[in-house]
Amino acid sequence: MKKFYAFAAAAFMAATAFAQNGAPLYATGAGPAFDPAWAPESAVEFVYADGVYTLELEGLTQFKISTANGDWDAFNAGALCVEGGAALEDGVAATLVAGDANLVTAGSADYTVTVAGDLSTITVKAKGEVDTSFPAVYVRGDMNGWGVDEAWQMTEVVPETVFSLTVPAPIAAGEAFKFADDAWNKVNCGGDGEAIMADTETEVFNGGNPANITLEEEFDGTIWLNLDLDGVAYVYFDTTNGENVPEWVTAALTGVKGVEVEENAAPVYYNLQGIRVANPENGVFIVVKGNKVSKVVR
């Protein structure tokens, strides 16, 4: 047994020393620096010199690094990440640990990425202005090839918080998808691996590398997403045409419109996407009259 431990220790020391002496280190991810994006078999290799690894990456938003390239199994087996999936601060060294979570920058920019020769820390340094504007949010999954499809872009009901989409085509039971921006950067929202039931408010999770979302049954209705960029979010798959939506959905429709009405004013109607409707008919609508908010079916 002592020989086994001695051998293991020696192997670990050798691997560490090899890494310190410039063993290959690779990156893949989103943005123009990677062509194609998220392709571990075509990963970009870091340059090793003077005891550190460096890589210049254009338009970097989110990426992964690994000591191995090839397919995803091989890449993830050698992957390194920041514990907890925390975003990388510009110019601040972050501790690396073994794990396949994504590395996330503060925003899109051209960065110099530096990794310590012993793979203990990573630092990203922006070369210019960092674009931190909030991106569009899409439903991306099996139904659209995981691409950015305008038909599946969600409406921003409350800025950076509440989003909705009446799906352009039914989502089949078992089809995998996530809520994400075009670069999988600020928004990469998934589930816990369990299939979700429609008409039930369910926790989902943003950041890191959450599991894909699947549904128990085919869904054809309106999706409501209450997004939290720092962790737990909520999603509601509404098949009831708005009859039983959560309170935060109603609040989203009425709380951000800036409607100023008096008690004797005419009622103001909104559809379930938060759009004001002049002549409501054939659906469910939110009615604002004075200080009262209600829901009607026309």
C-alpha atoms as a PDB file:
ATOM      1  CA  MET A   1       0.000   0.000   0.000  1.00  0.00           C
ATOM      2  CA  LYS A   2       2.880   2.352   0.801  1.00  0.00           C
ATOM      3  CA  LYS A   3       4.290   1.719  -2.653  1.00  0.00           C
ATOM      4  CA  PHE A   4       0.910   2.604  -4.167  1.00  0.00           C
ATOM      5  CA  TYR A   5       0.749   5.918  -2.313  1.00  0.00           C
ATOM      6  CA  ALA A   6       4.352   6.649  -3.167  1.00  0.00           C
ATOM      7  CA  PHE A   7       3.634   5.957  -6.838  1.00  0.00           C
ATOM      8  CA  ALA A   8       0.515   8.141  -6.775  1.00  0.00           C
ATOM      9  CA  ALA A   9       2.405  10.980  -5.134  1.00  0.00           C
ATOM     10  CA  ALA A  10       5.192  10.697  -7.660  1.00  0.00           C
ATOM     11  CA  ALA A  11       2.698  10.693 -10.543  1.00  0.00           C
ATOM     12  CA  PHE A  12       1.000  13.789  -9.115  1.00  0.00           C
ATOM     13  CA  MET A  13       4.311  15.602  -8.738  1.00  0.00           C
ATOM     14  CA  ALA A  14       5.292  14.658 -12.271  1.00  0.00           C
ATOM     15  CA  ALA A  15       1.988  15.862 -13.705  1.00  0.00           C
ATOM     16  CA  THR A  16       2.299  19.119 -11.781  1.00  0.00           C
ATOM     17  CA  ALA A  17       5.843  19.650 -12.930  1.00  0.00           C
ATOM     18  CA  PHE A  18       4.834  18.873 -16.516  1.00  0.00           C
ATOM     19  CA  ALA A  19       2.094  21.458 -16.341  1.00  0.00           C
ATOM     20  CA  GLN A  20       4.527  23.955 -14.887  1.00  0.00           C
ATOM     21  CA  ASN A  21       6.845  23.349 -17.804  1.00  0.00           C
ATOM     22  CA  GLY A  22       4.361  24.203 -20.493  1.00  0.00           C
ATOM     23  CA  ALA A  23       2.132  21.200 -21.107  1.00  0.00           C
ATOM     24  CA  PRO A  24      -0.603  22.197 -23.593  1.00  0.00           C
ATOM     25  CA  LEU A  25      -3.532  24.287 -22.378  1.00  0.00           C
ATOM     26  CA  TYR A  26      -6.587  24.881 -24.553  1.00  0.00           C
ATOM     27  CA  ALA A  27      -9.631  27.168 -24.722  1.00  0.00           C
ATOM     28  CA  THR A  28     -12.977  27.102 -26.485  1.00  0.00           C
ATOM     29  CA  GLY A  29     -16.038  29.267 -26.070  1.00  0.00           C
ATOM     30  CA  ALA A  30     -18.249  31.994 -27.503  1.00  0.00           C
ATOM     31  CA  GLY A  31     -17.296  35.021 -29.551  1.00  0.00           C
ATOM     32  CA  PRO A  32     -15.327  35.752 -32.731  1.00  0.00           C
ATOM     33  CA  ALA A  33     -12.108  34.362 -31.219  1.00  0.00           C
ATOM     34  CA  PHE A  34     -13.484  30.848 -31.567  1.00  0.00           C
ATOM     35  CA  ASP A  35     -14.394  29.518 -34.998  1.00  0.00           C
ATOM     36  CA  PRO A  36     -16.380  27.396 -34.670  1.00  0.00           C
ATOM     37  CA  ALA A  37     -17.704  28.342 -31.240  1.00  0.00           C
ATOM     38  CA  TRP A  38     -17.814  25.788 -28.452  1.00  0.00           C
ATOM     39  CA  ALA A  39     -15.860  23.200 -30.435  1.00  0.00           C
ATOM     40  CA  PRO A  40     -13.396  21.376 -28.139  1.00  0.00           C
ATOM     41  CA  GLU A  41     -11.936  19.435 -31.041  1.00  0.00           C
ATOM     42  CA  SER A  42     -10.883  22.787 -32.579  1.00  0.00           C
ATOM     43  CA  ALA A  43      -9.839  24.484 -29.331  1.00  0.00           C
ATOM     44  CA  VAL A  44      -7.322  27.336 -29.384  1.00  0.00           C
ATOM     45  CA  GLU A  45      -3.990  26.576 -27.696  1.00  0.00           C
ATOM     46  CA  PHE A  46      -2.422  28.963 -25.165  1.00  0.00           C
ATOM     47  CA  VAL A  47       1.134  30.221 -25.672  1.00  0.00           C
ATOM     48  CA  TYR A  48       3.499  29.245 -22.862  1.00  0.00           C
ATOM     49  CA  ALA A  49       6.482  31.503 -22.129  1.00  0.00           C
ATOM     50  CA  ASP A  50       8.339  32.764 -19.073  1.00  0.00           C
ATOM     51  CA  GLY A  51       6.348  30.541 -16.727  1.00  0.00           C
ATOM     52  CA  VAL A  52       2.845  31.657 -17.759  1.00  0.00           C
ATOM     53  CA  TYR A  53       0.216  30.800 -20.353  1.00  0.00           C
ATOM     54  CA  THR A  54      -1.253  33.655 -22.419  1.00  0.00           C
ATOM     55  CA  LEU A  55      -3.933  33.970 -25.074  1.00  0.00           C
ATOM     56  CA  GLU A  56      -5.346  36.980 -26.918  1.00  0.00           C
ATOM     57  CA  LEU A  57      -9.087  36.558 -27.459  1.00  0.00           C
ATOM     58  CA  GLU A  58     -11.320  38.943 -29.423  1.00  0.00           C
ATOM     59  CA  GLY A  59     -14.882  39.679 -28.283  1.00  0.00           C
ATOM     60  CA  LEU A  60     -14.588  37.255 -25.388  1.00  0.00           C
ATOM     61  CA  THR A  61     -17.648  36.664 -23.223  1.00  0.00           C
ATOM     62  CA  GLN A  62     -17.709  33.073 -21.995  1.00  0.00           C
ATOM     63  CA  PHE A  63     -15.233  30.230 -22.417  1.00  0.00           C
ATOM     64  CA  LYS A  64     -13.733  27.059 -20.988  1.00  0.00           C
ATOM     65  CA  ILE A  65     -10.122  25.973 -20.563  1.00  0.00           C
ATOM     66  CA  SER A  66      -8.670  22.480 -20.348  1.00  0.00           C
ATOM     67  CA  THR A  67      -5.419  20.573 -20.393  1.00  0.00           C
ATOM     68  CA  ALA A  68      -6.888  18.290 -23.085  1.00  0.00           C
ATOM     69  CA  ASN A  69      -8.649  18.804 -26.407  1.00  0.00           C
ATOM     70  CA  GLY A  70     -10.733  16.369 -28.423  1.00  0.00           C
ATOM     71  CA  ASP A  71     -14.393  15.590 -27.769  1.00  0.00           C
ATOM     72  CA  TRP A  72     -16.343  17.073 -24.841  1.00  0.00           C
ATOM     73  CA  ASP A  73     -15.639  14.081 -22.597  1.00  0.00           C
ATOM     74  CA  ALA A  74     -11.902  14.528 -23.011  1.00  0.00           C
ATOM     75  CA  PHE A  75     -12.047  18.314 -22.765  1.00  0.00           C
ATOM     76  CA  ASN A  76     -14.200  18.316 -19.631  1.00  0.00           C
ATOM     77  CA  ALA A  77     -12.034  15.676 -17.955  1.00  0.00           C
ATOM     78  CA  GLY A  78      -9.124  18.134 -17.975  1.00  0.00           C
ATOM     79  CA  ALA A  79     -11.175  21.319 -17.508  1.00  0.00           C
ATOM     80  CA  LEU A  80     -10.452  24.054 -14.962  1.00  0.00           C
ATOM     81  CA  CYS A  81     -12.874  26.677 -13.682  1.00  0.00           C
ATOM     82  CA  VAL A  82     -13.523  29.217 -10.950  1.00  0.00           C
ATOM     83  CA  GLU A  83     -15.272  27.703  -7.955  1.00  0.00           C
ATOM     84  CA  GLY A  84     -18.945  28.623  -7.861  1.00  0.00           C
ATOM     85  CA  GLY A  85     -18.939  29.934 -11.427  1.00  0.00           C
ATOM     86  CA  ALA A  86     -18.201  33.510 -10.321  1.00  0.00           C
ATOM     87  CA  ALA A  87     -17.553  36.049 -13.082  1.00  0.00           C
ATOM     88  CA  LEU A  88     -13.933  37.016 -13.714  1.00  0.00           C
ATOM     89  CA  GLU A  89     -13.080  40.553 -12.633  1.00  0.00           C
ATOM     90  CA  ASP A  90     -10.984  42.612 -15.001  1.00  0.00           C
ATOM     91  CA  GLY A  91      -7.328  42.419 -13.987  1.00  0.00           C
ATOM     92  CA  VAL A  92      -7.964  40.343 -10.838  1.00  0.00           C
ATOM     93  CA  ALA A  93      -6.450  36.865 -10.518  1.00  0.00           C
ATOM     94  CA  ALA A  94      -9.026  34.174  -9.723  1.00  0.00           C
ATOM     95  CA  THR A  95      -8.228  30.772  -8.240  1.00  0.00           C
ATOM     96  CA  LEU A  96      -8.694  27.815 -10.564  1.00  0.00           C
ATOM     97  CA  VAL A  97     -10.080  24.444  -9.474  1.00  0.00           C
ATOM     98  CA  ALA A  98     -10.828  21.251 -11.362  1.00  0.00           C
ATOM     99  CA  GLY A  99     -14.300  21.439 -12.902  1.00  0.00           C
ATOM    100  CA  ASP A 100     -16.124  21.967 -16.164  1.00  0.00           C
ATOM    101  CA  ALA A 101     -18.111  25.132 -15.377  1.00  0.00           C
ATOM    102  CA  ASN A 102     -17.832  27.966 -17.877  1.00  0.00           C
ATOM    103  CA  LEU A 103     -15.569  30.958 -17.296  1.00  0.00           C
ATOM    104  CA  VAL A 104     -17.481  34.237 -17.641  1.00  0.00           C
ATOM    105  CA  THR A 105     -16.134  37.749 -18.214  1.00  0.00           C
ATOM    106  CA  ALA A 106     -17.765  40.983 -17.047  1.00  0.00           C
ATOM    107  CA  GLY A 107     -18.841  41.711 -20.626  1.00  0.00           C
ATOM    108  CA  SER A 108     -17.815  41.491 -24.237  1.00  0.00           C
ATOM    109  CA  ALA A 109     -14.348  42.885 -25.013  1.00  0.00           C
ATOM    110  CA  ASP A 110     -10.955  41.959 -26.406  1.00  0.00           C
ATOM    111  CA  TYR A 111      -9.056  40.321 -23.557  1.00  0.00           C
ATOM    112  CA  THR A 112      -5.605  39.064 -22.724  1.00  0.00           C
ATOM    113  CA  VAL A 113      -6.062  35.842 -20.745  1.00  0.00           C
ATOM    114  CA  THR A 114      -3.211  34.799 -18.475  1.00  0.00           C
ATOM    115  CA  VAL A 115      -2.979  31.498 -16.607  1.00  0.00           C
ATOM    116  CA  ALA A 116      -0.260  30.788 -14.035  1.00  0.00           C
ATOM    117  CA  GLY A 117       2.203  28.132 -15.110  1.00  0.00           C
ATOM    118  CA  ASP A 118       1.083  25.831 -12.299  1.00  0.00           C
ATOM    119  CA  LEU A 119      -2.575  26.336 -13.355  1.00  0.00           C
ATOM    120  CA  SER A 120      -3.410  27.885  -9.991  1.00  0.00           C
ATOM    121  CA  THR A 121      -4.916  31.192 -11.173  1.00  0.00           C
ATOM    122  CA  ILE A 122      -6.419  32.885 -14.206  1.00  0.00           C
ATOM    123  CA  THR A 123      -6.569  36.613 -15.027  1.00  0.00           C
ATOM    124  CA  VAL A 124      -8.441  38.393 -17.821  1.00  0.00           C
ATOM    125  CA  LYS A 125      -7.449  41.923 -18.791  1.00  0.00           C
ATOM    126  CA  ALA A 126      -9.615  43.949 -21.176  1.00  0.00           C
ATOM    127  CA  LYS A 127      -7.808  45.897 -23.876  1.00  0.00           C
ATOM    128  CA  GLY A 128     -10.561  48.464 -24.262  1.00  0.00           C
ATOM    129  CA  GLU A 129     -14.097  49.270 -23.209  1.00  0.00           C
ATOM    130  CA  VAL A 130     -16.160  46.370 -21.889  1.00  0.00           C
ATOM    131  CA  ASP A 131     -19.684  46.079 -23.315  1.00  0.00           C
ATOM    132  CA  THR A 132     -21.924  45.389 -20.315  1.00  0.00           C
ATOM    133  CA  SER A 133     -25.275  46.137 -21.981  1.00  0.00           C
ATOM    134  CA  PHE A 134     -27.969  43.576 -21.313  1.00  0.00           C
ATOM    135  CA  PRO A 135     -28.386  41.158 -24.213  1.00  0.00           C
ATOM    136  CA  ALA A 136     -31.500  39.737 -25.801  1.00  0.00           C
ATOM    137  CA  VAL A 137     -32.739  36.486 -24.267  1.00  0.00           C
ATOM    138  CA  TYR A 138     -33.734  33.488 -26.365  1.00  0.00           C
ATOM    139  CA  VAL A 139     -35.130  30.019 -25.882  1.00  0.00           C
ATOM    140  CA  ARG A 140     -32.343  27.885 -27.380  1.00  0.00           C
ATOM    141  CA  GLY A 141     -32.575  24.132 -27.724  1.00  0.00           C
ATOM    142  CA  ASP A 142     -33.429  21.086 -29.749  1.00  0.00           C
ATOM    143  CA  MET A 143     -36.361  22.898 -31.377  1.00  0.00           C
ATOM    144  CA  ASN A 144     -34.070  25.404 -33.140  1.00  0.00           C
ATOM    145  CA  GLY A 145     -30.701  23.664 -33.259  1.00  0.00           C
ATOM    146  CA  TRP A 146     -29.534  25.566 -30.162  1.00  0.00           C
ATOM    147  CA  GLY A 147     -29.084  28.644 -32.304  1.00  0.00           C
ATOM    148  CA  VAL A 148     -30.162  32.280 -32.000  1.00  0.00           C
ATOM    149  CA  ASP A 149     -33.612  32.307 -33.583  1.00  0.00           C
ATOM    150  CA  GLU A 150     -35.605  35.560 -33.655  1.00  0.00           C
ATOM    151  CA  ALA A 151     -38.843  33.591 -33.530  1.00  0.00           C
ATOM    152  CA  TRP A 152     -37.754  32.309 -30.121  1.00  0.00           C
ATOM    153  CA  GLN A 153     -36.593  35.668 -28.719  1.00  0.00           C
ATOM    154  CA  MET A 154     -38.289  36.523 -25.426  1.00  0.00           C
ATOM    155  CA  THR A 155     -40.002  39.854 -24.748  1.00  0.00           C
ATOM    156  CA  GLU A 156     -38.350  41.908 -21.991  1.00  0.00           C
ATOM    157  CA  VAL A 157     -41.374  42.791 -19.834  1.00  0.00           C
ATOM    158  CA  VAL A 158     -39.392  44.118 -16.866  1.00  0.00           C
ATOM    159  CA  PRO A 159     -35.876  45.313 -17.812  1.00  0.00           C
ATOM    160  CA  GLU A 160     -33.314  42.579 -17.116  1.00  0.00           C
ATOM    161  CA  THR A 161     -35.763  40.674 -14.905  1.00  0.00           C
ATOM    162  CA  VAL A 162     -39.024  39.356 -16.383  1.00  0.00           C
ATOM    163  CA  PHE A 163     -39.260  37.878 -19.881  1.00  0.00           C
ATOM    164  CA  SER A 164     -42.060  36.176 -21.789  1.00  0.00           C
ATOM    165  CA  LEU A 165     -42.589  34.264 -24.998  1.00  0.00           C
ATOM    166  CA  THR A 166     -45.649  32.707 -26.581  1.00  0.00           C
ATOM    167  CA  VAL A 167     -43.912  29.812 -28.284  1.00  0.00           C
ATOM    168  CA  PRO A 168     -44.025  29.877 -32.111  1.00  0.00           C
ATOM    169  CA  ALA A 169     -44.305  26.077 -32.192  1.00  0.00           C
ATOM    170  CA  PRO A 170     -45.064  23.444 -29.556  1.00  0.00           C
ATOM    171  CA  ILE A 171     -42.156  22.187 -27.474  1.00  0.00           C
ATOM    172  CA  ALA A 172     -42.221  18.397 -27.443  1.00  0.00           C
ATOM    173  CA  ALA A 173     -41.929  16.449 -24.208  1.00  0.00           C
ATOM    174  CA  GLY A 174     -38.272  15.651 -23.598  1.00  0.00           C
ATOM    175  CA  GLU A 175     -36.893  18.310 -25.965  1.00  0.00           C
ATOM    176  CA  ALA A 176     -33.912  19.941 -24.258  1.00  0.00           C
ATOM    177  CA  PHE A 177     -33.469  23.713 -24.116  1.00  0.00           C
ATOM    178  CA  LYS A 178     -32.203  26.641 -22.034  1.00  0.00           C
ATOM    179  CA  PHE A 179     -32.801  30.367 -21.726  1.00  0.00           C
ATOM    180  CA  ALA A 180     -29.676  32.140 -22.971  1.00  0.00           C
ATOM    181  CA  ASP A 181     -28.275  35.176 -24.708  1.00  0.00           C
ATOM    182  CA  ASP A 182     -26.458  34.953 -28.023  1.00  0.00           C
ATOM    183  CA  ALA A 183     -23.090  34.283 -26.371  1.00  0.00           C
ATOM    184  CA  TRP A 184     -24.192  32.144 -23.410  1.00  0.00           C
ATOM    185  CA  ASN A 185     -22.688  34.885 -21.274  1.00  0.00           C
ATOM    186  CA  LYS A 186     -24.910  36.844 -18.876  1.00  0.00           C
ATOM    187  CA  VAL A 187     -27.839  34.502 -19.390  1.00  0.00           C
ATOM    188  CA  ASN A 188     -27.306  30.739 -19.364  1.00  0.00           C
ATOM    189  CA  CYS A 189     -30.336  29.531 -17.470  1.00  0.00           C
ATOM    190  CA  GLY A 190     -31.172  25.850 -17.019  1.00  0.00           C
ATOM    191  CA  GLY A 191     -32.753  23.381 -14.652  1.00  0.00           C
ATOM    192  CA  ASP A 192     -31.732  20.702 -12.192  1.00  0.00           C
ATOM    193  CA  GLY A 193     -32.091  17.766 -14.551  1.00  0.00           C
ATOM    194  CA  GLU A 194     -35.701  16.977 -13.632  1.00  0.00           C
ATOM    195  CA  ALA A 195     -38.491  17.375 -16.198  1.00  0.00           C
ATOM    196  CA  ILE A 196     -40.739  20.398 -15.498  1.00  0.00           C
ATOM    197  CA  MET A 197     -44.521  20.276 -15.286  1.00  0.00           C
ATOM    198  CA  ALA A 198     -46.462  23.078 -16.998  1.00  0.00           C
ATOM    199  CA  ASP A 199     -48.644  25.447 -14.944  1.00  0.00           C
ATOM    200  CA  THR A 200     -46.309  25.025 -11.975  1.00  0.00           C
ATOM    201  CA  GLU A 201     -43.843  27.680 -10.824  1.00  0.00           C
ATOM    202  CA  THR A 202     -40.409  26.039 -10.934  1.00  0.00           C
ATOM    203  CA  GLU A 203     -36.915  27.075  -9.855  1.00  0.00           C
ATOM    204  CA  VAL A 204     -34.260  27.332 -12.544  1.00  0.00           C
ATOM    205  CA  PHE A 205     -30.648  28.441 -12.269  1.00  0.00           C
ATOM    206  CA  ASN A 206     -28.553  31.012 -14.103  1.00  0.00           C
ATOM    207  CA  GLY A 207     -24.789  30.902 -14.515  1.00  0.00           C
ATOM    208  CA  GLY A 208     -22.169  28.186 -14.397  1.00  0.00           C
ATOM    209  CA  ASN A 209     -23.339  25.287 -16.502  1.00  0.00           C
ATOM    210  CA  PRO A 210     -26.837  24.257 -15.358  1.00  0.00           C
ATOM    211  CA  ALA A 211     -28.596  21.208 -16.763  1.00  0.00           C
ATOM    212  CA  ASN A 212     -30.821  21.477 -19.819  1.00  0.00           C
ATOM    213  CA  ILE A 213     -34.546  22.024 -19.269  1.00  0.00           C
ATOM    214  CA  THR A 214     -37.069  19.433 -20.412  1.00  0.00           C
ATOM    215  CA  LEU A 215     -40.854  19.271 -20.025  1.00  0.00           C
ATOM    216  CA  GLU A 216     -42.995  16.352 -18.906  1.00  0.00           C
ATOM    217  CA  GLU A 217     -45.557  16.909 -21.661  1.00  0.00           C
ATOM    218  CA  GLU A 218     -45.784  18.785 -24.941  1.00  0.00           C
ATOM    219  CA  PHE A 219     -46.177  22.512 -24.308  1.00  0.00           C
ATOM    220  CA  ASP A 220     -48.003  25.118 -26.387  1.00  0.00           C
ATOM    221  CA  GLY A 221     -48.527  28.385 -24.536  1.00  0.00           C
ATOM    222  CA  THR A 222     -46.662  31.291 -22.935  1.00  0.00           C
ATOM    223  CA  ILE A 223     -43.376  30.982 -21.045  1.00  0.00           C
ATOM    224  CA  TRP A 224     -42.701  33.416 -18.197  1.00  0.00           C
ATOM    225  CA  LEU A 225     -39.148  33.757 -16.874  1.00  0.00           C
ATOM    226  CA  ASN A 226     -38.305  35.684 -13.704  1.00  0.00           C
ATOM    227  CA  LEU A 227     -34.546  35.976 -14.096  1.00  0.00           C
ATOM    228  CA  ASP A 228     -31.932  36.369 -11.382  1.00  0.00           C
ATOM    229  CA  LEU A 229     -28.457  36.868 -12.818  1.00  0.00           C
ATOM    230  CA  ASP A 230     -26.844  35.748  -9.568  1.00  0.00           C
ATOM    231  CA  GLY A 231     -28.538  32.424  -9.017  1.00  0.00           C
ATOM    232  CA  VAL A 232     -32.042  31.056  -8.573  1.00  0.00           C
ATOM    233  CA  ALA A 233     -34.671  32.181 -11.081  1.00  0.00           C
ATOM    234  CA  TYR A 234     -38.258  31.084 -11.703  1.00  0.00           C
ATOM    235  CA  VAL A 235     -40.073  29.869 -14.791  1.00  0.00           C
ATOM    236  CA  TYR A 236     -43.747  29.294 -15.452  1.00  0.00           C
ATOM    237  CA  PHE A 237     -45.071  27.454 -18.502  1.00  0.00           C
ATOM    238  CA  ASP A 238     -48.620  28.762 -18.860  1.00  0.00           C
ATOM    239  CA  THR A 239     -51.174  26.645 -20.727  1.00  0.00           C
ATOM    240  CA  THR A 240     -54.178  28.311 -19.041  1.00  0.00           C
ATOM    241  CA  ASN A 241     -54.130  31.473 -21.168  1.00  0.00           C
ATOM    242  CA  GLY A 242     -53.279  33.523 -18.098  1.00  0.00           C
ATOM    243  CA  GLU A 243     -55.954  32.223 -15.752  1.00  0.00           C
ATOM    244  CA  ASN A 244     -53.539  30.969 -13.068  1.00  0.00           C
ATOM    245  CA  VAL A 245     -50.277  32.834 -13.592  1.00  0.00           C
ATOM    246  CA  PRO A 246     -48.107  33.652 -10.531  1.00  0.00           C
ATOM    247  CA  GLU A 247     -48.426  37.040  -8.829  1.00  0.00           C
ATOM    248  CA  TRP A 248     -45.034  38.155 -10.131  1.00  0.00           C
ATOM    249  CA  VAL A 249     -46.372  37.845 -13.677  1.00  0.00           C
ATOM    250  CA  THR A 250     -49.294  40.170 -12.929  1.00  0.00           C
ATOM    251  CA  ALA A 251     -46.943  42.550 -11.143  1.00  0.00           C
ATOM    252  CA  ALA A 252     -44.646  42.530 -14.164  1.00  0.00           C
ATOM    253  CA  LEU A 253     -47.476  43.501 -16.472  1.00  0.00           C
ATOM    254  CA  THR A 254     -48.729  46.364 -14.325  1.00  0.00           C
ATOM    255  CA  GLY A 255     -45.770  47.562 -12.279  1.00  0.00           C
ATOM    256  CA  VAL A 256     -43.468  48.820 -15.001  1.00  0.00           C
ATOM    257  CA  LYS A 257     -45.839  50.490 -17.404  1.00  0.00           C
ATOM    258  CA  GLY A 258     -45.881  53.854 -15.679  1.00  0.00           C
ATOM    259  CA  VAL A 259     -49.647  54.086 -16.021  1.00  0.00           C
ATOM    260  CA  GLU A 260     -51.055  57.088 -14.200  1.00  0.00           C
ATOM    261  CA  VAL A 261     -54.829  56.896 -13.874  1.00  0.00           C
ATOM    262  CA  GLU A 262     -57.458  58.348 -11.582  1.00  0.00           C
ATOM    263  CA  GLU A 263     -60.202  56.373  -9.868  1.00  0.00           C
ATOM    264  CA  ASN A 264     -62.787  57.533 -12.393  1.00  0.00           C
ATOM    265  CA  ALA A 265     -60.523  57.020 -15.407  1.00  0.00           C
ATOM    266  CA  ALA A 266     -61.331  54.573 -18.175  1.00  0.00           C
ATOM    267  CA  PRO A 267     -59.850  51.083 -17.772  1.00  0.00           C
ATOM    268  CA  VAL A 268     -56.534  50.303 -19.451  1.00  0.00           C
ATOM    269  CA  TYR A 269     -55.997  46.807 -20.866  1.00  0.00           C
ATOM    270  CA  TYR A 270     -52.799  44.792 -21.367  1.00  0.00           C
ATOM    271  CA  ASN A 271     -52.352  41.399 -22.925  1.00  0.00           C
ATOM    272  CA  LEU A 272     -50.279  38.701 -21.229  1.00  0.00           C
ATOM    273  CA  GLN A 273     -47.161  39.882 -23.050  1.00  0.00           C
ATOM    274  CA  GLY A 274     -47.433  43.299 -21.353  1.00  0.00           C
ATOM    275  CA  ILE A 275     -48.580  45.127 -24.501  1.00  0.00           C
ATOM    276  CA  ARG A 276     -51.331  47.710 -24.201  1.00  0.00           C
ATOM    277  CA  VAL A 277     -54.480  46.690 -26.093  1.00  0.00           C
ATOM    278  CA  ALA A 278     -57.051  49.215 -27.326  1.00  0.00           C
ATOM    279  CA  ASN A 279     -59.866  46.782 -28.110  1.00  0.00           C
ATOM    280  CA  PRO A 280     -59.470  43.640 -26.020  1.00  0.00           C
ATOM    281  CA  GLU A 281     -61.294  40.577 -27.302  1.00  0.00           C
ATOM    282  CA  ASN A 282     -60.832  36.813 -27.643  1.00  0.00           C
ATOM    283  CA  GLY A 283     -58.389  36.340 -24.778  1.00  0.00           C
ATOM    284  CA  VAL A 284     -57.323  37.030 -21.219  1.00  0.00           C
ATOM    285  CA  PHE A 285     -56.339  40.594 -20.280  1.00  0.00           C
ATOM    286  CA  ILE A 286     -54.978  42.541 -17.309  1.00  0.00           C
ATOM    287  CA  VAL A 287     -57.177  45.548 -16.475  1.00  0.00           C
ATOM    288  CA  VAL A 288     -55.835  48.614 -14.659  1.00  0.00           C
ATOM    289  CA  LYS A 289     -58.445  51.062 -13.382  1.00  0.00           C
ATOM    290  CA  GLY A 290     -57.396  53.587 -10.822  1.00  0.00           C
ATOM    291  CA  ASN A 291     -55.590  51.692  -8.073  1.00  0.00           C
ATOM    292  CA  LYS A 292     -57.280  48.405  -8.920  1.00  0.00           C
ATOM    293  CA  VAL A 293     -55.774  45.617 -10.998  1.00  0.00           C
ATOM    294  CA  SER A 294     -57.855  42.686 -12.203  1.00  0.00           C
ATOM    295  CA  LYS A 295     -57.970  40.019 -14.859  1.00  0.00           C
ATOM    296  CA  VAL A 296     -60.770  39.520 -17.370  1.00  0.00           C
ATOM    297  CA  VAL A 297     -61.620  37.092 -20.134  1.00  0.00           C
ATOM    298  CA  ARG A 298     -63.092  38.583 -23.306  1.00  0.00           C
END
